[in-house]
Amino acid sequence: MEQREVLKLMALAQLMLESMDDFKETSMYKQQTKQTVQRLEALLKSQFGRSIDMMYQAEPEHANMLLTGVEETIDLLATLNIDNITLLGNTIKALKEEQENGK
């Protein structure tokens, strides 16, 4: 369980770093957010940078598939309304239960 949580956090940290790079190109990136984003970026890189690099070196294809899948899922979630997100969550729970029960 711990390994899964670390991997999930590493993937989200990497996506956060990439998103912050994209955010810097928007008109919303003002001076007041600049310092906060820079501190968070430095913290994420110091906490997870080496682990993310090791993950890429050990299994580059798996790491790319994981991060691409997470990023695509987040992009899709951003387009849904709350009712569809709830429905999607319930569908995923049902699929997970089926998988756990060997169906």
PDB file of N, CA and C in Angstrom:
ATOM      1  N   MET A   1       0.830  -1.196   0.000  1.00  0.00           N
ATOM      2  CA  MET A   1       0.000   0.000   0.000  1.00  0.00           C
ATOM      3  C   MET A   1       0.872   1.257   0.000  1.00  0.00           C
ATOM      4  N   GLU A   2       1.913   1.282   0.794  1.00  0.00           N
ATOM      5  CA  GLU A   2       2.760   2.461   0.884  1.00  0.00           C
ATOM      6  C   GLU A   2       3.404   2.778  -0.466  1.00  0.00           C
ATOM      7  N   GLN A   3       3.855   1.749  -1.174  1.00  0.00           N
ATOM      8  CA  GLN A   3       4.502   1.956  -2.467  1.00  0.00           C
ATOM      9  C   GLN A   3       3.523   2.603  -3.451  1.00  0.00           C
ATOM     10  N   ARG A   4       2.268   2.171  -3.417  1.00  0.00           N
ATOM     11  CA  ARG A   4       1.247   2.734  -4.303  1.00  0.00           C
ATOM     12  C   ARG A   4       1.023   4.210  -3.989  1.00  0.00           C
ATOM     13  N   GLU A   5       0.989   4.545  -2.698  1.00  0.00           N
ATOM     14  CA  GLU A   5       0.772   5.934  -2.302  1.00  0.00           C
ATOM     15  C   GLU A   5       1.945   6.817  -2.718  1.00  0.00           C
ATOM     16  N   VAL A   6       3.158   6.303  -2.582  1.00  0.00           N
ATOM     17  CA  VAL A   6       4.340   7.062  -2.996  1.00  0.00           C
ATOM     18  C   VAL A   6       4.329   7.264  -4.505  1.00  0.00           C
ATOM     19  N   LEU A   7       4.014   6.219  -5.245  1.00  0.00           N
ATOM     20  CA  LEU A   7       3.967   6.318  -6.705  1.00  0.00           C
ATOM     21  C   LEU A   7       2.902   7.318  -7.144  1.00  0.00           C
ATOM     22  N   LYS A   8       1.747   7.262  -6.501  1.00  0.00           N
ATOM     23  CA  LYS A   8       0.669   8.190  -6.831  1.00  0.00           C
ATOM     24  C   LYS A   8       1.112   9.630  -6.550  1.00  0.00           C
ATOM     25  N   LEU A   9       1.734   9.846  -5.417  1.00  0.00           N
ATOM     26  CA  LEU A   9       2.190  11.184  -5.070  1.00  0.00           C
ATOM     27  C   LEU A   9       3.282  11.667  -6.016  1.00  0.00           C
ATOM     28  N   MET A  10       4.178  10.775  -6.405  1.00  0.00           N
ATOM     29  CA  MET A  10       5.226  11.142  -7.354  1.00  0.00           C
ATOM     30  C   MET A  10       4.628  11.529  -8.704  1.00  0.00           C
ATOM     31  N   ALA A  11       3.650  10.758  -9.161  1.00  0.00           N
ATOM     32  CA  ALA A  11       3.013  11.059 -10.447  1.00  0.00           C
ATOM     33  C   ALA A  11       2.301  12.401 -10.386  1.00  0.00           C
ATOM     34  N   LEU A  12       1.585  12.637  -9.302  1.00  0.00           N
ATOM     35  CA  LEU A  12       0.881  13.908  -9.173  1.00  0.00           C
ATOM     36  C   LEU A  12       1.856  15.073  -9.027  1.00  0.00           C
ATOM     37  N   ALA A  13       2.967  14.854  -8.346  1.00  0.00           N
ATOM     38  CA  ALA A  13       3.980  15.902  -8.212  1.00  0.00           C
ATOM     39  C   ALA A  13       4.555  16.254  -9.575  1.00  0.00           C
ATOM     40  N   GLN A  14       4.844  15.252 -10.380  1.00  0.00           N
ATOM     41  CA  GLN A  14       5.378  15.502 -11.720  1.00  0.00           C
ATOM     42  C   GLN A  14       4.367  16.261 -12.568  1.00  0.00           C
ATOM     43  N   LEU A  15       3.109  15.856 -12.490  1.00  0.00           N
ATOM     44  CA  LEU A  15       2.071  16.558 -13.239  1.00  0.00           C
ATOM     45  C   LEU A  15       1.891  17.987 -12.734  1.00  0.00           C
ATOM     46  N   MET A  16       2.038  18.172 -11.422  1.00  0.00           N
ATOM     47  CA  MET A  16       1.949  19.511 -10.848  1.00  0.00           C
ATOM     48  C   MET A  16       3.073  20.392 -11.391  1.00  0.00           C
ATOM     49  N   LEU A  17       4.281  19.846 -11.463  1.00  0.00           N
ATOM     50  CA  LEU A  17       5.407  20.604 -12.007  1.00  0.00           C
ATOM     51  C   LEU A  17       5.153  20.991 -13.459  1.00  0.00           C
ATOM     52  N   GLU A  18       4.647  20.046 -14.253  1.00  0.00           N
ATOM     53  CA  GLU A  18       4.355  20.330 -15.653  1.00  0.00           C
ATOM     54  C   GLU A  18       3.235  21.363 -15.777  1.00  0.00           C
ATOM     55  N   SER A  19       2.224  21.249 -14.928  1.00  0.00           N
ATOM     56  CA  SER A  19       1.117  22.201 -14.955  1.00  0.00           C
ATOM     57  C   SER A  19       1.577  23.596 -14.568  1.00  0.00           C
ATOM     58  N   MET A  20       2.493  23.666 -13.598  1.00  0.00           N
ATOM     59  CA  MET A  20       3.001  24.974 -13.199  1.00  0.00           C
ATOM     60  C   MET A  20       3.794  25.620 -14.329  1.00  0.00           C
ATOM     61  N   ASP A  21       4.518  24.815 -15.096  1.00  0.00           N
ATOM     62  CA  ASP A  21       5.212  25.367 -16.267  1.00  0.00           C
ATOM     63  C   ASP A  21       4.208  25.954 -17.253  1.00  0.00           C
ATOM     64  N   ASP A  22       3.109  25.233 -17.485  1.00  0.00           N
ATOM     65  CA  ASP A  22       2.065  25.732 -18.383  1.00  0.00           C
ATOM     66  C   ASP A  22       1.401  26.984 -17.811  1.00  0.00           C
ATOM     67  N   PHE A  23       1.185  26.984 -16.497  1.00  0.00           N
ATOM     68  CA  PHE A  23       0.521  28.101 -15.819  1.00  0.00           C
ATOM     69  C   PHE A  23       1.331  29.391 -15.953  1.00  0.00           C
ATOM     70  N   LYS A  24       2.644  29.259 -15.996  1.00  0.00           N
ATOM     71  CA  LYS A  24       3.505  30.438 -16.102  1.00  0.00           C
ATOM     72  C   LYS A  24       3.258  31.214 -17.395  1.00  0.00           C
ATOM     73  N   GLU A  25       2.701  30.558 -18.387  1.00  0.00           N
ATOM     74  CA  GLU A  25       2.443  31.197 -19.675  1.00  0.00           C
ATOM     75  C   GLU A  25       1.079  31.875 -19.740  1.00  0.00           C
ATOM     76  N   THR A  26       0.304  31.825 -18.654  1.00  0.00           N
ATOM     77  CA  THR A  26      -1.040  32.408 -18.671  1.00  0.00           C
ATOM     78  C   THR A  26      -1.031  33.825 -18.108  1.00  0.00           C
ATOM     79  N   SER A  27      -2.121  34.534 -18.366  1.00  0.00           N
ATOM     80  CA  SER A  27      -2.255  35.890 -17.833  1.00  0.00           C
ATOM     81  C   SER A  27      -2.549  35.881 -16.329  1.00  0.00           C
ATOM     82  N   MET A  28      -2.924  34.741 -15.795  1.00  0.00           N
ATOM     83  CA  MET A  28      -3.220  34.637 -14.366  1.00  0.00           C
ATOM     84  C   MET A  28      -1.951  34.535 -13.515  1.00  0.00           C
ATOM     85  N   TYR A  29      -0.824  34.310 -14.145  1.00  0.00           N
ATOM     86  CA  TYR A  29       0.443  34.159 -13.429  1.00  0.00           C
ATOM     87  C   TYR A  29       0.964  35.551 -13.076  1.00  0.00           C
ATOM     88  N   LYS A  30       0.497  36.068 -11.986  1.00  0.00           N
ATOM     89  CA  LYS A  30       0.858  37.415 -11.536  1.00  0.00           C
ATOM     90  C   LYS A  30       1.925  37.322 -10.452  1.00  0.00           C
ATOM     91  N   GLN A  31       2.448  38.455 -10.071  1.00  0.00           N
ATOM     92  CA  GLN A  31       3.516  38.514  -9.079  1.00  0.00           C
ATOM     93  C   GLN A  31       3.116  37.844  -7.769  1.00  0.00           C
ATOM     94  N   GLN A  32       1.852  38.013  -7.357  1.00  0.00           N
ATOM     95  CA  GLN A  32       1.425  37.458  -6.084  1.00  0.00           C
ATOM     96  C   GLN A  32       1.484  35.928  -6.063  1.00  0.00           C
ATOM     97  N   THR A  33       1.287  35.287  -7.206  1.00  0.00           N
ATOM     98  CA  THR A  33       1.353  33.824  -7.246  1.00  0.00           C
ATOM     99  C   THR A  33       2.743  33.323  -7.614  1.00  0.00           C
ATOM    100  N   LYS A  34       3.528  34.180  -8.217  1.00  0.00           N
ATOM    101  CA  LYS A  34       4.843  33.774  -8.715  1.00  0.00           C
ATOM    102  C   LYS A  34       5.722  33.178  -7.615  1.00  0.00           C
ATOM    103  N   GLN A  35       5.828  33.863  -6.497  1.00  0.00           N
ATOM    104  CA  GLN A  35       6.689  33.383  -5.414  1.00  0.00           C
ATOM    105  C   GLN A  35       6.159  32.082  -4.812  1.00  0.00           C
ATOM    106  N   THR A  36       4.854  31.975  -4.663  1.00  0.00           N
ATOM    107  CA  THR A  36       4.259  30.756  -4.107  1.00  0.00           C
ATOM    108  C   THR A  36       4.501  29.573  -5.037  1.00  0.00           C
ATOM    109  N   VAL A  37       4.291  29.780  -6.330  1.00  0.00           N
ATOM    110  CA  VAL A  37       4.508  28.717  -7.307  1.00  0.00           C
ATOM    111  C   VAL A  37       5.985  28.305  -7.310  1.00  0.00           C
ATOM    112  N   GLN A  38       6.871  29.272  -7.258  1.00  0.00           N
ATOM    113  CA  GLN A  38       8.301  28.960  -7.256  1.00  0.00           C
ATOM    114  C   GLN A  38       8.700  28.161  -6.018  1.00  0.00           C
ATOM    115  N   ARG A  39       8.148  28.517  -4.847  1.00  0.00           N
ATOM    116  CA  ARG A  39       8.460  27.766  -3.614  1.00  0.00           C
ATOM    117  C   ARG A  39       7.918  26.340  -3.690  1.00  0.00           C
ATOM    118  N   LEU A  40       6.687  26.202  -4.169  1.00  0.00           N
ATOM    119  CA  LEU A  40       6.095  24.876  -4.296  1.00  0.00           C
ATOM    120  C   LEU A  40       6.868  24.036  -5.305  1.00  0.00           C
ATOM    121  N   GLU A  41       7.252  24.642  -6.405  1.00  0.00           N
ATOM    122  CA  GLU A  41       8.025  23.944  -7.425  1.00  0.00           C
ATOM    123  C   GLU A  41       9.354  23.450  -6.850  1.00  0.00           C
ATOM    124  N   ALA A  42      10.038  24.289  -6.105  1.00  0.00           N
ATOM    125  CA  ALA A  42      11.310  23.903  -5.489  1.00  0.00           C
ATOM    126  C   ALA A  42      11.107  22.785  -4.472  1.00  0.00           C
ATOM    127  N   LEU A  43      10.037  22.876  -3.698  1.00  0.00           N
ATOM    128  CA  LEU A  43       9.749  21.837  -2.704  1.00  0.00           C
ATOM    129  C   LEU A  43       9.459  20.503  -3.373  1.00  0.00           C
ATOM    130  N   LEU A  44       8.622  20.509  -4.401  1.00  0.00           N
ATOM    131  CA  LEU A  44       8.291  19.263  -5.100  1.00  0.00           C
ATOM    132  C   LEU A  44       9.527  18.647  -5.743  1.00  0.00           C
ATOM    133  N   LYS A  45      10.349  19.486  -6.361  1.00  0.00           N
ATOM    134  CA  LYS A  45      11.565  18.972  -6.993  1.00  0.00           C
ATOM    135  C   LYS A  45      12.512  18.388  -5.955  1.00  0.00           C
ATOM    136  N   SER A  46      12.643  19.039  -4.812  1.00  0.00           N
ATOM    137  CA  SER A  46      13.561  18.524  -3.784  1.00  0.00           C
ATOM    138  C   SER A  46      13.027  17.238  -3.165  1.00  0.00           C
ATOM    139  N   GLN A  47      11.723  17.143  -3.006  1.00  0.00           N
ATOM    140  CA  GLN A  47      11.127  15.952  -2.391  1.00  0.00           C
ATOM    141  C   GLN A  47      11.063  14.765  -3.346  1.00  0.00           C
ATOM    142  N   PHE A  48      10.712  15.026  -4.608  1.00  0.00           N
ATOM    143  CA  PHE A  48      10.386  13.934  -5.514  1.00  0.00           C
ATOM    144  C   PHE A  48      11.249  13.850  -6.758  1.00  0.00           C
ATOM    145  N   GLY A  49      12.057  14.855  -7.006  1.00  0.00           N
ATOM    146  CA  GLY A  49      12.834  14.886  -8.238  1.00  0.00           C
ATOM    147  C   GLY A  49      13.690  13.658  -8.452  1.00  0.00           C
ATOM    148  N   ARG A  50      14.442  13.277  -7.443  1.00  0.00           N
ATOM    149  CA  ARG A  50      15.322  12.115  -7.575  1.00  0.00           C
ATOM    150  C   ARG A  50      14.518  10.825  -7.752  1.00  0.00           C
ATOM    151  N   SER A  51      13.435  10.692  -6.996  1.00  0.00           N
ATOM    152  CA  SER A  51      12.601   9.483  -7.104  1.00  0.00           C
ATOM    153  C   SER A  51      11.949   9.384  -8.476  1.00  0.00           C
ATOM    154  N   ILE A  52      11.498  10.519  -9.005  1.00  0.00           N
ATOM    155  CA  ILE A  52      10.890  10.520 -10.337  1.00  0.00           C
ATOM    156  C   ILE A  52      11.931  10.143 -11.382  1.00  0.00           C
ATOM    157  N   ASP A  53      13.128  10.708 -11.256  1.00  0.00           N
ATOM    158  CA  ASP A  53      14.206  10.356 -12.191  1.00  0.00           C
ATOM    159  C   ASP A  53      14.527   8.868 -12.125  1.00  0.00           C
ATOM    160  N   MET A  54      14.567   8.318 -10.910  1.00  0.00           N
ATOM    161  CA  MET A  54      14.856   6.881 -10.750  1.00  0.00           C
ATOM    162  C   MET A  54      13.749   6.038 -11.365  1.00  0.00           C
ATOM    163  N   MET A  55      12.504   6.465 -11.205  1.00  0.00           N
ATOM    164  CA  MET A  55      11.375   5.736 -11.775  1.00  0.00           C
ATOM    165  C   MET A  55      11.489   5.727 -13.302  1.00  0.00           C
ATOM    166  N   TYR A  56      11.828   6.873 -13.894  1.00  0.00           N
ATOM    167  CA  TYR A  56      11.995   6.952 -15.342  1.00  0.00           C
ATOM    168  C   TYR A  56      13.147   6.068 -15.807  1.00  0.00           C
ATOM    169  N   GLN A  57      14.245   6.052 -15.072  1.00  0.00           N
ATOM    170  CA  GLN A  57      15.399   5.247 -15.471  1.00  0.00           C
ATOM    171  C   GLN A  57      15.116   3.760 -15.345  1.00  0.00           C
ATOM    172  N   ALA A  58      14.408   3.363 -14.296  1.00  0.00           N
ATOM    173  CA  ALA A  58      14.138   1.945 -14.063  1.00  0.00           C
ATOM    174  C   ALA A  58      13.138   1.385 -15.066  1.00  0.00           C
ATOM    175  N   GLU A  59      12.054   2.112 -15.296  1.00  0.00           N
ATOM    176  CA  GLU A  59      10.995   1.641 -16.188  1.00  0.00           C
ATOM    177  C   GLU A  59      10.433   2.818 -16.978  1.00  0.00           C
ATOM    178  N   PRO A  60      11.180   3.297 -17.967  1.00  0.00           N
ATOM    179  CA  PRO A  60      10.740   4.508 -18.679  1.00  0.00           C
ATOM    180  C   PRO A  60       9.386   4.360 -19.369  1.00  0.00           C
ATOM    181  N   GLU A  61       9.144   3.220 -19.977  1.00  0.00           N
ATOM    182  CA  GLU A  61       7.873   3.035 -20.686  1.00  0.00           C
ATOM    183  C   GLU A  61       6.702   3.023 -19.706  1.00  0.00           C
ATOM    184  N   HIS A  62       6.867   2.311 -18.596  1.00  0.00           N
ATOM    185  CA  HIS A  62       5.818   2.243 -17.578  1.00  0.00           C
ATOM    186  C   HIS A  62       5.578   3.623 -16.969  1.00  0.00           C
ATOM    187  N   ALA A  63       6.652   4.356 -16.685  1.00  0.00           N
ATOM    188  CA  ALA A  63       6.522   5.689 -16.104  1.00  0.00           C
ATOM    189  C   ALA A  63       5.782   6.624 -17.057  1.00  0.00           C
ATOM    190  N   ASN A  64       6.128   6.586 -18.339  1.00  0.00           N
ATOM    191  CA  ASN A  64       5.449   7.435 -19.317  1.00  0.00           C
ATOM    192  C   ASN A  64       3.978   7.067 -19.456  1.00  0.00           C
ATOM    193  N   MET A  65       3.683   5.773 -19.483  1.00  0.00           N
ATOM    194  CA  MET A  65       2.289   5.329 -19.579  1.00  0.00           C
ATOM    195  C   MET A  65       1.495   5.803 -18.370  1.00  0.00           C
ATOM    196  N   LEU A  66       2.086   5.666 -17.185  1.00  0.00           N
ATOM    197  CA  LEU A  66       1.409   6.072 -15.957  1.00  0.00           C
ATOM    198  C   LEU A  66       1.122   7.571 -15.972  1.00  0.00           C
ATOM    199  N   LEU A  67       2.149   8.371 -16.234  1.00  0.00           N
ATOM    200  CA  LEU A  67       1.970   9.819 -16.192  1.00  0.00           C
ATOM    201  C   LEU A  67       1.046  10.312 -17.301  1.00  0.00           C
ATOM    202  N   THR A  68       1.143   9.722 -18.483  1.00  0.00           N
ATOM    203  CA  THR A  68       0.253  10.106 -19.573  1.00  0.00           C
ATOM    204  C   THR A  68      -1.193   9.755 -19.237  1.00  0.00           C
ATOM    205  N   GLY A  69      -1.391   8.560 -18.688  1.00  0.00           N
ATOM    206  CA  GLY A  69      -2.741   8.143 -18.304  1.00  0.00           C
ATOM    207  C   GLY A  69      -3.341   9.035 -17.239  1.00  0.00           C
ATOM    208  N   VAL A  70      -2.556   9.388 -16.239  1.00  0.00           N
ATOM    209  CA  VAL A  70      -3.042  10.270 -15.174  1.00  0.00           C
ATOM    210  C   VAL A  70      -3.360  11.654 -15.746  1.00  0.00           C
ATOM    211  N   GLU A  71      -2.471  12.174 -16.573  1.00  0.00           N
ATOM    212  CA  GLU A  71      -2.683  13.503 -17.148  1.00  0.00           C
ATOM    213  C   GLU A  71      -3.926  13.529 -18.037  1.00  0.00           C
ATOM    214  N   GLU A  72      -4.105  12.510 -18.872  1.00  0.00           N
ATOM    215  CA  GLU A  72      -5.276  12.456 -19.740  1.00  0.00           C
ATOM    216  C   GLU A  72      -6.559  12.354 -18.924  1.00  0.00           C
ATOM    217  N   THR A  73      -6.513  11.580 -17.851  1.00  0.00           N
ATOM    218  CA  THR A  73      -7.684  11.437 -16.986  1.00  0.00           C
ATOM    219  C   THR A  73      -8.038  12.763 -16.324  1.00  0.00           C
ATOM    220  N   ILE A  74      -7.027  13.484 -15.841  1.00  0.00           N
ATOM    221  CA  ILE A  74      -7.269  14.785 -15.215  1.00  0.00           C
ATOM    222  C   ILE A  74      -7.849  15.764 -16.232  1.00  0.00           C
ATOM    223  N   ASP A  75      -7.310  15.753 -17.447  1.00  0.00           N
ATOM    224  CA  ASP A  75      -7.836  16.636 -18.492  1.00  0.00           C
ATOM    225  C   ASP A  75      -9.302  16.334 -18.779  1.00  0.00           C
ATOM    226  N   LEU A  76      -9.646  15.053 -18.825  1.00  0.00           N
ATOM    227  CA  LEU A  76     -11.041  14.671 -19.061  1.00  0.00           C
ATOM    228  C   LEU A  76     -11.935  15.058 -17.892  1.00  0.00           C
ATOM    229  N   LEU A  77     -11.454  14.847 -16.673  1.00  0.00           N
ATOM    230  CA  LEU A  77     -12.246  15.208 -15.497  1.00  0.00           C
ATOM    231  C   LEU A  77     -12.562  16.700 -15.474  1.00  0.00           C
ATOM    232  N   ALA A  78     -11.625  17.499 -15.940  1.00  0.00           N
ATOM    233  CA  ALA A  78     -11.821  18.946 -15.934  1.00  0.00           C
ATOM    234  C   ALA A  78     -12.961  19.385 -16.851  1.00  0.00           C
ATOM    235  N   THR A  79     -13.360  18.530 -17.779  1.00  0.00           N
ATOM    236  CA  THR A  79     -14.430  18.890 -18.708  1.00  0.00           C
ATOM    237  C   THR A  79     -15.804  18.397 -18.249  1.00  0.00           C
ATOM    238  N   LEU A  80     -15.851  17.584 -17.189  1.00  0.00           N
ATOM    239  CA  LEU A  80     -17.117  16.997 -16.749  1.00  0.00           C
ATOM    240  C   LEU A  80     -17.817  17.869 -15.713  1.00  0.00           C
ATOM    241  N   ASN A  81     -19.137  17.731 -15.634  1.00  0.00           N
ATOM    242  CA  ASN A  81     -19.866  18.389 -14.560  1.00  0.00           C
ATOM    243  C   ASN A  81     -19.880  17.458 -13.344  1.00  0.00           C
ATOM    244  N   ILE A  82     -20.338  17.952 -12.210  1.00  0.00           N
ATOM    245  CA  ILE A  82     -20.260  17.215 -10.949  1.00  0.00           C
ATOM    246  C   ILE A  82     -21.047  15.908 -10.995  1.00  0.00           C
ATOM    247  N   ASP A  83     -22.183  15.898 -11.676  1.00  0.00           N
ATOM    248  CA  ASP A  83     -22.984  14.668 -11.766  1.00  0.00           C
ATOM    249  C   ASP A  83     -22.228  13.583 -12.519  1.00  0.00           C
ATOM    250  N   ASN A  84     -21.561  13.968 -13.603  1.00  0.00           N
ATOM    251  CA  ASN A  84     -20.803  12.989 -14.379  1.00  0.00           C
ATOM    252  C   ASN A  84     -19.566  12.502 -13.627  1.00  0.00           C
ATOM    253  N   ILE A  85     -18.956  13.376 -12.839  1.00  0.00           N
ATOM    254  CA  ILE A  85     -17.806  12.957 -12.039  1.00  0.00           C
ATOM    255  C   ILE A  85     -18.244  11.927 -11.004  1.00  0.00           C
ATOM    256  N   THR A  86     -19.394  12.160 -10.381  1.00  0.00           N
ATOM    257  CA  THR A  86     -19.930  11.208  -9.409  1.00  0.00           C
ATOM    258  C   THR A  86     -20.233   9.877 -10.078  1.00  0.00           C
ATOM    259  N   LEU A  87     -20.864   9.923 -11.242  1.00  0.00           N
ATOM    260  CA  LEU A  87     -21.177   8.708 -11.999  1.00  0.00           C
ATOM    261  C   LEU A  87     -19.899   7.965 -12.378  1.00  0.00           C
ATOM    262  N   LEU A  88     -18.902   8.696 -12.822  1.00  0.00           N
ATOM    263  CA  LEU A  88     -17.625   8.089 -13.179  1.00  0.00           C
ATOM    264  C   LEU A  88     -16.980   7.413 -11.972  1.00  0.00           C
ATOM    265  N   GLY A  89     -17.001   8.080 -10.826  1.00  0.00           N
ATOM    266  CA  GLY A  89     -16.445   7.496  -9.611  1.00  0.00           C
ATOM    267  C   GLY A  89     -17.132   6.197  -9.245  1.00  0.00           C
ATOM    268  N   ASN A  90     -18.452   6.167  -9.332  1.00  0.00           N
ATOM    269  CA  ASN A  90     -19.207   4.945  -9.037  1.00  0.00           C
ATOM    270  C   ASN A  90     -18.886   3.833 -10.030  1.00  0.00           C
ATOM    271  N   THR A  91     -18.717   4.191 -11.296  1.00  0.00           N
ATOM    272  CA  THR A  91     -18.366   3.205 -12.326  1.00  0.00           C
ATOM    273  C   THR A  91     -16.995   2.607 -12.050  1.00  0.00           C
ATOM    274  N   ILE A  92     -16.046   3.449 -11.690  1.00  0.00           N
ATOM    275  CA  ILE A  92     -14.695   2.960 -11.388  1.00  0.00           C
ATOM    276  C   ILE A  92     -14.715   2.044 -10.166  1.00  0.00           C
ATOM    277  N   LYS A  93     -15.491   2.413  -9.154  1.00  0.00           N
ATOM    278  CA  LYS A  93     -15.609   1.551  -7.960  1.00  0.00           C
ATOM    279  C   LYS A  93     -16.167   0.185  -8.338  1.00  0.00           C
ATOM    280  N   ALA A  94     -17.179   0.157  -9.186  1.00  0.00           N
ATOM    281  CA  ALA A  94     -17.780  -1.109  -9.613  1.00  0.00           C
ATOM    282  C   ALA A  94     -16.768  -1.950 -10.395  1.00  0.00           C
ATOM    283  N   LEU A  95     -16.011  -1.316 -11.275  1.00  0.00           N
ATOM    284  CA  LEU A  95     -14.986  -2.044 -12.039  1.00  0.00           C
ATOM    285  C   LEU A  95     -13.907  -2.608 -11.122  1.00  0.00           C
ATOM    286  N   LYS A  96     -13.528  -1.830 -10.122  1.00  0.00           N
ATOM    287  CA  LYS A  96     -12.510  -2.288  -9.167  1.00  0.00           C
ATOM    288  C   LYS A  96     -13.019  -3.493  -8.382  1.00  0.00           C
ATOM    289  N   GLU A  97     -14.266  -3.438  -7.955  1.00  0.00           N
ATOM    290  CA  GLU A  97     -14.857  -4.564  -7.228  1.00  0.00           C
ATOM    291  C   GLU A  97     -14.890  -5.820  -8.096  1.00  0.00           C
ATOM    292  N   GLU A  98     -15.260  -5.669  -9.367  1.00  0.00           N
ATOM    293  CA  GLU A  98     -15.268  -6.806 -10.283  1.00  0.00           C
ATOM    294  C   GLU A  98     -13.875  -7.380 -10.433  1.00  0.00           C
ATOM    295  N   GLN A  99     -12.887  -6.506 -10.555  1.00  0.00           N
ATOM    296  CA  GLN A  99     -11.501  -6.959 -10.707  1.00  0.00           C
ATOM    297  C   GLN A  99     -11.045  -7.701  -9.447  1.00  0.00           C
ATOM    298  N   GLU A 100     -11.383  -7.182  -8.292  1.00  0.00           N
ATOM    299  CA  GLU A 100     -10.984  -7.810  -7.037  1.00  0.00           C
ATOM    300  C   GLU A 100     -11.674  -9.152  -6.832  1.00  0.00           C
ATOM    301  N   ASN A 101     -12.888  -9.281  -7.354  1.00  0.00           N
ATOM    302  CA  ASN A 101     -13.637 -10.528  -7.220  1.00  0.00           C
ATOM    303  C   ASN A 101     -13.307 -11.513  -8.334  1.00  0.00           C
ATOM    304  N   GLY A 102     -12.401 -11.150  -9.231  1.00  0.00           N
ATOM    305  CA  GLY A 102     -11.950 -12.057 -10.279  1.00  0.00           C
ATOM    306  C   GLY A 102     -12.914 -12.248 -11.414  1.00  0.00           C
ATOM    307  N   LYS A 103     -13.767 -11.307 -11.640  1.00  0.00           N
ATOM    308  CA  LYS A 103     -14.743 -11.437 -12.735  1.00  0.00           C
ATOM    309  C   LYS A 103     -14.172 -10.928 -14.008  1.00  0.00           C
TER     310      LYS A 103
END
